[in-house]
PDB file of N, CA and C in Angstrom:
ATOM      1  N   MET A   1      25.971  58.702 -22.755  1.00  0.00           N
ATOM      2  CA  MET A   1      26.818  59.770 -23.254  1.00  0.00           C
ATOM      3  C   MET A   1      27.888  60.152 -22.224  1.00  0.00           C
ATOM      4  N   LYS A   2      27.510  60.129 -20.952  1.00  0.00           N
ATOM      5  CA  LYS A   2      28.439  60.466 -19.888  1.00  0.00           C
ATOM      6  C   LYS A   2      29.603  59.461 -19.845  1.00  0.00           C
ATOM      7  N   LEU A   3      29.296  58.212 -20.076  1.00  0.00           N
ATOM      8  CA  LEU A   3      30.314  57.167 -20.089  1.00  0.00           C
ATOM      9  C   LEU A   3      31.293  57.362 -21.246  1.00  0.00           C
ATOM     10  N   VAL A   4      30.773  57.775 -22.384  1.00  0.00           N
ATOM     11  CA  VAL A   4      31.632  58.021 -23.549  1.00  0.00           C
ATOM     12  C   VAL A   4      32.576  59.192 -23.271  1.00  0.00           C
ATOM     13  N   ARG A   5      32.065  60.248 -22.679  1.00  0.00           N
ATOM     14  CA  ARG A   5      32.910  61.397 -22.343  1.00  0.00           C
ATOM     15  C   ARG A   5      33.996  61.019 -21.328  1.00  0.00           C
ATOM     16  N   ALA A   6      33.614  60.238 -20.335  1.00  0.00           N
ATOM     17  CA  ALA A   6      34.588  59.808 -19.323  1.00  0.00           C
ATOM     18  C   ALA A   6      35.665  58.941 -19.963  1.00  0.00           C
ATOM     19  N   PHE A   7      35.253  58.026 -20.841  1.00  0.00           N
ATOM     20  CA  PHE A   7      36.224  57.182 -21.532  1.00  0.00           C
ATOM     21  C   PHE A   7      37.140  58.023 -22.407  1.00  0.00           C
ATOM     22  N   TRP A   8      36.578  58.989 -23.123  1.00  0.00           N
ATOM     23  CA  TRP A   8      37.388  59.848 -23.998  1.00  0.00           C
ATOM     24  C   TRP A   8      38.393  60.669 -23.179  1.00  0.00           C
ATOM     25  N   SER A   9      37.981  61.187 -22.053  1.00  0.00           N
ATOM     26  CA  SER A   9      38.891  61.938 -21.181  1.00  0.00           C
ATOM     27  C   SER A   9      40.004  61.037 -20.664  1.00  0.00           C
ATOM     28  N   TRP A  10      39.645  59.825 -20.268  1.00  0.00           N
ATOM     29  CA  TRP A  10      40.647  58.872 -19.799  1.00  0.00           C
ATOM     30  C   TRP A  10      41.641  58.524 -20.906  1.00  0.00           C
ATOM     31  N   LEU A  11      41.132  58.288 -22.102  1.00  0.00           N
ATOM     32  CA  LEU A  11      41.992  57.939 -23.231  1.00  0.00           C
ATOM     33  C   LEU A  11      42.949  59.075 -23.566  1.00  0.00           C
ATOM     34  N   ARG A  12      42.468  60.307 -23.539  1.00  0.00           N
ATOM     35  CA  ARG A  12      43.334  61.464 -23.807  1.00  0.00           C
ATOM     36  C   ARG A  12      44.407  61.596 -22.731  1.00  0.00           C
ATOM     37  N   ALA A  13      44.058  61.334 -21.475  1.00  0.00           N
ATOM     38  CA  ALA A  13      45.031  61.433 -20.388  1.00  0.00           C
ATOM     39  C   ALA A  13      46.094  60.341 -20.503  1.00  0.00           C
ATOM     40  N   VAL A  14      45.676  59.135 -20.812  1.00  0.00           N
ATOM     41  CA  VAL A  14      46.608  58.014 -20.925  1.00  0.00           C
ATOM     42  C   VAL A  14      47.554  58.197 -22.108  1.00  0.00           C
ATOM     43  N   SER A  15      47.038  58.705 -23.216  1.00  0.00           N
ATOM     44  CA  SER A  15      47.864  58.853 -24.421  1.00  0.00           C
ATOM     45  C   SER A  15      48.708  60.129 -24.403  1.00  0.00           C
ATOM     46  N   GLY A  16      48.431  61.045 -23.493  1.00  0.00           N
ATOM     47  CA  GLY A  16      49.178  62.296 -23.433  1.00  0.00           C
ATOM     48  C   GLY A  16      48.605  63.378 -24.335  1.00  0.00           C
ATOM     49  N   ASP A  17      47.465  63.115 -24.932  1.00  0.00           N
ATOM     50  CA  ASP A  17      46.850  64.081 -25.837  1.00  0.00           C
ATOM     51  C   ASP A  17      46.376  65.336 -25.111  1.00  0.00           C
ATOM     52  N   ASP A  18      46.124  65.218 -23.819  1.00  0.00           N
ATOM     53  CA  ASP A  18      45.663  66.379 -23.047  1.00  0.00           C
ATOM     54  C   ASP A  18      46.813  67.123 -22.362  1.00  0.00           C
ATOM     55  N   ALA A  19      48.035  66.861 -22.765  1.00  0.00           N
ATOM     56  CA  ALA A  19      49.208  67.449 -22.111  1.00  0.00           C
ATOM     57  C   ALA A  19      49.201  68.974 -22.173  1.00  0.00           C
ATOM     58  N   TYR A  20      48.823  69.534 -23.304  1.00  0.00           N
ATOM     59  CA  TYR A  20      48.829  70.995 -23.424  1.00  0.00           C
ATOM     60  C   TYR A  20      47.772  71.622 -22.518  1.00  0.00           C
ATOM     61  N   GLU A  21      46.604  71.020 -22.428  1.00  0.00           N
ATOM     62  CA  GLU A  21      45.562  71.542 -21.544  1.00  0.00           C
ATOM     63  C   GLU A  21      46.003  71.454 -20.080  1.00  0.00           C
ATOM     64  N   ARG A  22      46.668  70.345 -19.704  1.00  0.00           N
ATOM     65  CA  ARG A  22      47.184  70.220 -18.343  1.00  0.00           C
ATOM     66  C   ARG A  22      48.279  71.248 -18.086  1.00  0.00           C
ATOM     67  N   TYR A  23      49.116  71.502 -19.099  1.00  0.00           N
ATOM     68  CA  TYR A  23      50.160  72.527 -18.981  1.00  0.00           C
ATOM     69  C   TYR A  23      49.529  73.898 -18.739  1.00  0.00           C
ATOM     70  N   LEU A  24      48.492  74.233 -19.495  1.00  0.00           N
ATOM     71  CA  LEU A  24      47.832  75.533 -19.332  1.00  0.00           C
ATOM     72  C   LEU A  24      47.237  75.687 -17.935  1.00  0.00           C
ATOM     73  N   ALA A  25      46.593  74.632 -17.439  1.00  0.00           N
ATOM     74  CA  ALA A  25      46.001  74.695 -16.100  1.00  0.00           C
ATOM     75  C   ALA A  25      47.084  74.860 -15.038  1.00  0.00           C
ATOM     76  N   HIS A  26      48.158  74.099 -15.157  1.00  0.00           N
ATOM     77  CA  HIS A  26      49.267  74.203 -14.208  1.00  0.00           C
ATOM     78  C   HIS A  26      49.904  75.588 -14.278  1.00  0.00           C
ATOM     79  N   HIS A  27      50.103  76.065 -15.480  1.00  0.00           N
ATOM     80  CA  HIS A  27      50.750  77.363 -15.671  1.00  0.00           C
ATOM     81  C   HIS A  27      49.919  78.485 -15.050  1.00  0.00           C
ATOM     82  N   ALA A  28      48.621  78.451 -15.266  1.00  0.00           N
ATOM     83  CA  ALA A  28      47.750  79.479 -14.716  1.00  0.00           C
ATOM     84  C   ALA A  28      47.738  79.450 -13.181  1.00  0.00           C
ATOM     85  N   ALA A  29      47.833  78.249 -12.615  1.00  0.00           N
ATOM     86  CA  ALA A  29      47.785  78.127 -11.161  1.00  0.00           C
ATOM     87  C   ALA A  29      49.113  78.460 -10.493  1.00  0.00           C
ATOM     88  N   VAL A  30      50.231  78.100 -11.129  1.00  0.00           N
ATOM     89  CA  VAL A  30      51.527  78.199 -10.465  1.00  0.00           C
ATOM     90  C   VAL A  30      52.396  79.338 -10.993  1.00  0.00           C
ATOM     91  N   HIS A  31      52.308  79.635 -12.273  1.00  0.00           N
ATOM     92  CA  HIS A  31      53.177  80.639 -12.897  1.00  0.00           C
ATOM     93  C   HIS A  31      52.386  81.691 -13.684  1.00  0.00           C
ATOM     94  N   PRO A  32      51.420  82.341 -13.090  1.00  0.00           N
ATOM     95  CA  PRO A  32      50.592  83.268 -13.869  1.00  0.00           C
ATOM     96  C   PRO A  32      51.349  84.487 -14.400  1.00  0.00           C
ATOM     97  N   GLU A  33      52.487  84.791 -13.802  1.00  0.00           N
ATOM     98  CA  GLU A  33      53.234  85.981 -14.238  1.00  0.00           C
ATOM     99  C   GLU A  33      54.104  85.704 -15.462  1.00  0.00           C
ATOM    100  N   ARG A  34      54.330  84.458 -15.791  1.00  0.00           N
ATOM    101  CA  ARG A  34      55.180  84.110 -16.930  1.00  0.00           C
ATOM    102  C   ARG A  34      54.349  83.967 -18.200  1.00  0.00           C
ATOM    103  N   PRO A  35      54.950  84.234 -19.358  1.00  0.00           N
ATOM    104  CA  PRO A  35      54.205  84.049 -20.614  1.00  0.00           C
ATOM    105  C   PRO A  35      53.958  82.563 -20.905  1.00  0.00           C
ATOM    106  N   VAL A  36      52.864  82.281 -21.558  1.00  0.00           N
ATOM    107  CA  VAL A  36      52.459  80.913 -21.884  1.00  0.00           C
ATOM    108  C   VAL A  36      53.055  80.506 -23.232  1.00  0.00           C
ATOM    109  N   LEU A  37      53.533  79.275 -23.326  1.00  0.00           N
ATOM    110  CA  LEU A  37      54.010  78.751 -24.603  1.00  0.00           C
ATOM    111  C   LEU A  37      52.822  78.461 -25.501  1.00  0.00           C
ATOM    112  N   ASP A  38      52.987  78.685 -26.797  1.00  0.00           N
ATOM    113  CA  ASP A  38      51.921  78.274 -27.707  1.00  0.00           C
ATOM    114  C   ASP A  38      52.001  76.757 -27.880  1.00  0.00           C
ATOM    115  N   ARG A  39      50.956  76.176 -28.427  1.00  0.00           N
ATOM    116  CA  ARG A  39      50.840  74.721 -28.546  1.00  0.00           C
ATOM    117  C   ARG A  39      52.024  74.115 -29.306  1.00  0.00           C
ATOM    118  N   ARG A  40      52.408  74.716 -30.408  1.00  0.00           N
ATOM    119  CA  ARG A  40      53.493  74.179 -31.241  1.00  0.00           C
ATOM    120  C   ARG A  40      54.819  74.179 -30.477  1.00  0.00           C
ATOM    121  N   THR A  41      55.140  75.276 -29.820  1.00  0.00           N
ATOM    122  CA  THR A  41      56.382  75.374 -29.057  1.00  0.00           C
ATOM    123  C   THR A  41      56.383  74.393 -27.899  1.00  0.00           C
ATOM    124  N   PHE A  42      55.248  74.261 -27.229  1.00  0.00           N
ATOM    125  CA  PHE A  42      55.139  73.315 -26.117  1.00  0.00           C
ATOM    126  C   PHE A  42      55.470  71.907 -26.580  1.00  0.00           C
ATOM    127  N   PHE A  43      54.874  71.464 -27.681  1.00  0.00           N
ATOM    128  CA  PHE A  43      55.105  70.097 -28.143  1.00  0.00           C
ATOM    129  C   PHE A  43      56.516  69.915 -28.708  1.00  0.00           C
ATOM    130  N   LYS A  44      57.080  70.951 -29.316  1.00  0.00           N
ATOM    131  CA  LYS A  44      58.466  70.852 -29.785  1.00  0.00           C
ATOM    132  C   LYS A  44      59.412  70.670 -28.607  1.00  0.00           C
ATOM    133  N   GLN A  45      59.217  71.439 -27.551  1.00  0.00           N
ATOM    134  CA  GLN A  45      60.072  71.313 -26.371  1.00  0.00           C
ATOM    135  C   GLN A  45      59.886  69.959 -25.699  1.00  0.00           C
ATOM    136  N   ARG A  46      58.660  69.495 -25.666  1.00  0.00           N
ATOM    137  CA  ARG A  46      58.384  68.193 -25.056  1.00  0.00           C
ATOM    138  C   ARG A  46      59.039  67.063 -25.842  1.00  0.00           C
ATOM    139  N   GLN A  47      58.957  67.123 -27.167  1.00  0.00           N
ATOM    140  CA  GLN A  47      59.602  66.106 -27.992  1.00  0.00           C
ATOM    141  C   GLN A  47      61.114  66.160 -27.840  1.00  0.00           C
ATOM    142  N   ALA A  48      61.677  67.350 -27.820  1.00  0.00           N
ATOM    143  CA  ALA A  48      63.120  67.494 -27.666  1.00  0.00           C
ATOM    144  C   ALA A  48      63.579  66.890 -26.335  1.00  0.00           C
ATOM    145  N   ALA A  49      62.821  67.116 -25.283  1.00  0.00           N
ATOM    146  CA  ALA A  49      63.177  66.556 -23.981  1.00  0.00           C
ATOM    147  C   ALA A  49      63.042  65.035 -23.981  1.00  0.00           C
ATOM    148  N   ASP A  50      62.010  64.523 -24.634  1.00  0.00           N
ATOM    149  CA  ASP A  50      61.797  63.075 -24.678  1.00  0.00           C
ATOM    150  C   ASP A  50      62.890  62.365 -25.459  1.00  0.00           C
ATOM    151  N   TRP A  51      63.395  62.967 -26.521  1.00  0.00           N
ATOM    152  CA  TRP A  51      64.348  62.294 -27.388  1.00  0.00           C
ATOM    153  C   TRP A  51      65.795  62.735 -27.186  1.00  0.00           C
ATOM    154  N   SER A  52      66.068  63.538 -26.171  1.00  0.00           N
ATOM    155  CA  SER A  52      67.430  64.028 -25.968  1.00  0.00           C
ATOM    156  C   SER A  52      68.313  63.039 -25.219  1.00  0.00           C
ATOM    157  N   GLN A  53      67.726  62.058 -24.571  1.00  0.00           N
ATOM    158  CA  GLN A  53      68.495  61.103 -23.792  1.00  0.00           C
ATOM    159  C   GLN A  53      68.799  59.846 -24.613  1.00  0.00           C
ATOM    160  N   VAL A  54      69.878  59.187 -24.279  1.00  0.00           N
ATOM    161  CA  VAL A  54      70.240  57.924 -24.935  1.00  0.00           C
ATOM    162  C   VAL A  54      69.262  56.854 -24.482  1.00  0.00           C
ATOM    163  N   ARG A  55      68.721  56.113 -25.415  1.00  0.00           N
ATOM    164  CA  ARG A  55      67.761  55.049 -25.096  1.00  0.00           C
ATOM    165  C   ARG A  55      68.263  53.738 -25.684  1.00  0.00           C
ATOM    166  N   ARG A  56      68.988  53.022 -24.864  1.00  0.00           N
ATOM    167  CA  ARG A  56      69.453  51.711 -25.274  1.00  0.00           C
ATOM    168  C   ARG A  56      69.717  50.877 -24.019  1.00  0.00           C
ATOM    169  N   CYS A  57      69.880  49.623 -24.220  1.00  0.00           N
ATOM    170  CA  CYS A  57      70.035  48.736 -23.074  1.00  0.00           C
ATOM    171  C   CYS A  57      71.475  48.623 -22.603  1.00  0.00           C
ATOM    172  N   CYS A  58      72.442  48.878 -23.467  1.00  0.00           N
ATOM    173  CA  CYS A  58      73.844  48.634 -23.109  1.00  0.00           C
ATOM    174  C   CYS A  58      74.695  49.889 -23.250  1.00  0.00           C
TER     175      CYS A  58
END
C-alpha cells in the first residue's frame, strides 16, 4: 500500500495535478498575509500564463 501511495504522489507531481496543493503550502510559508486564490482562479491564471506566449518554431 505504501508503494501505491508513493507512486500516486509521484504521478500527481509529474502531471502537475498537485499544483494547487503546492501553491497553498508555498503561500502559507512565504505570503501568509496575502489572500489565497481559490482553486478555480488559480488554474485559470495558470492556464492563461501557459497559453499567453507564442509557441511555434519559426
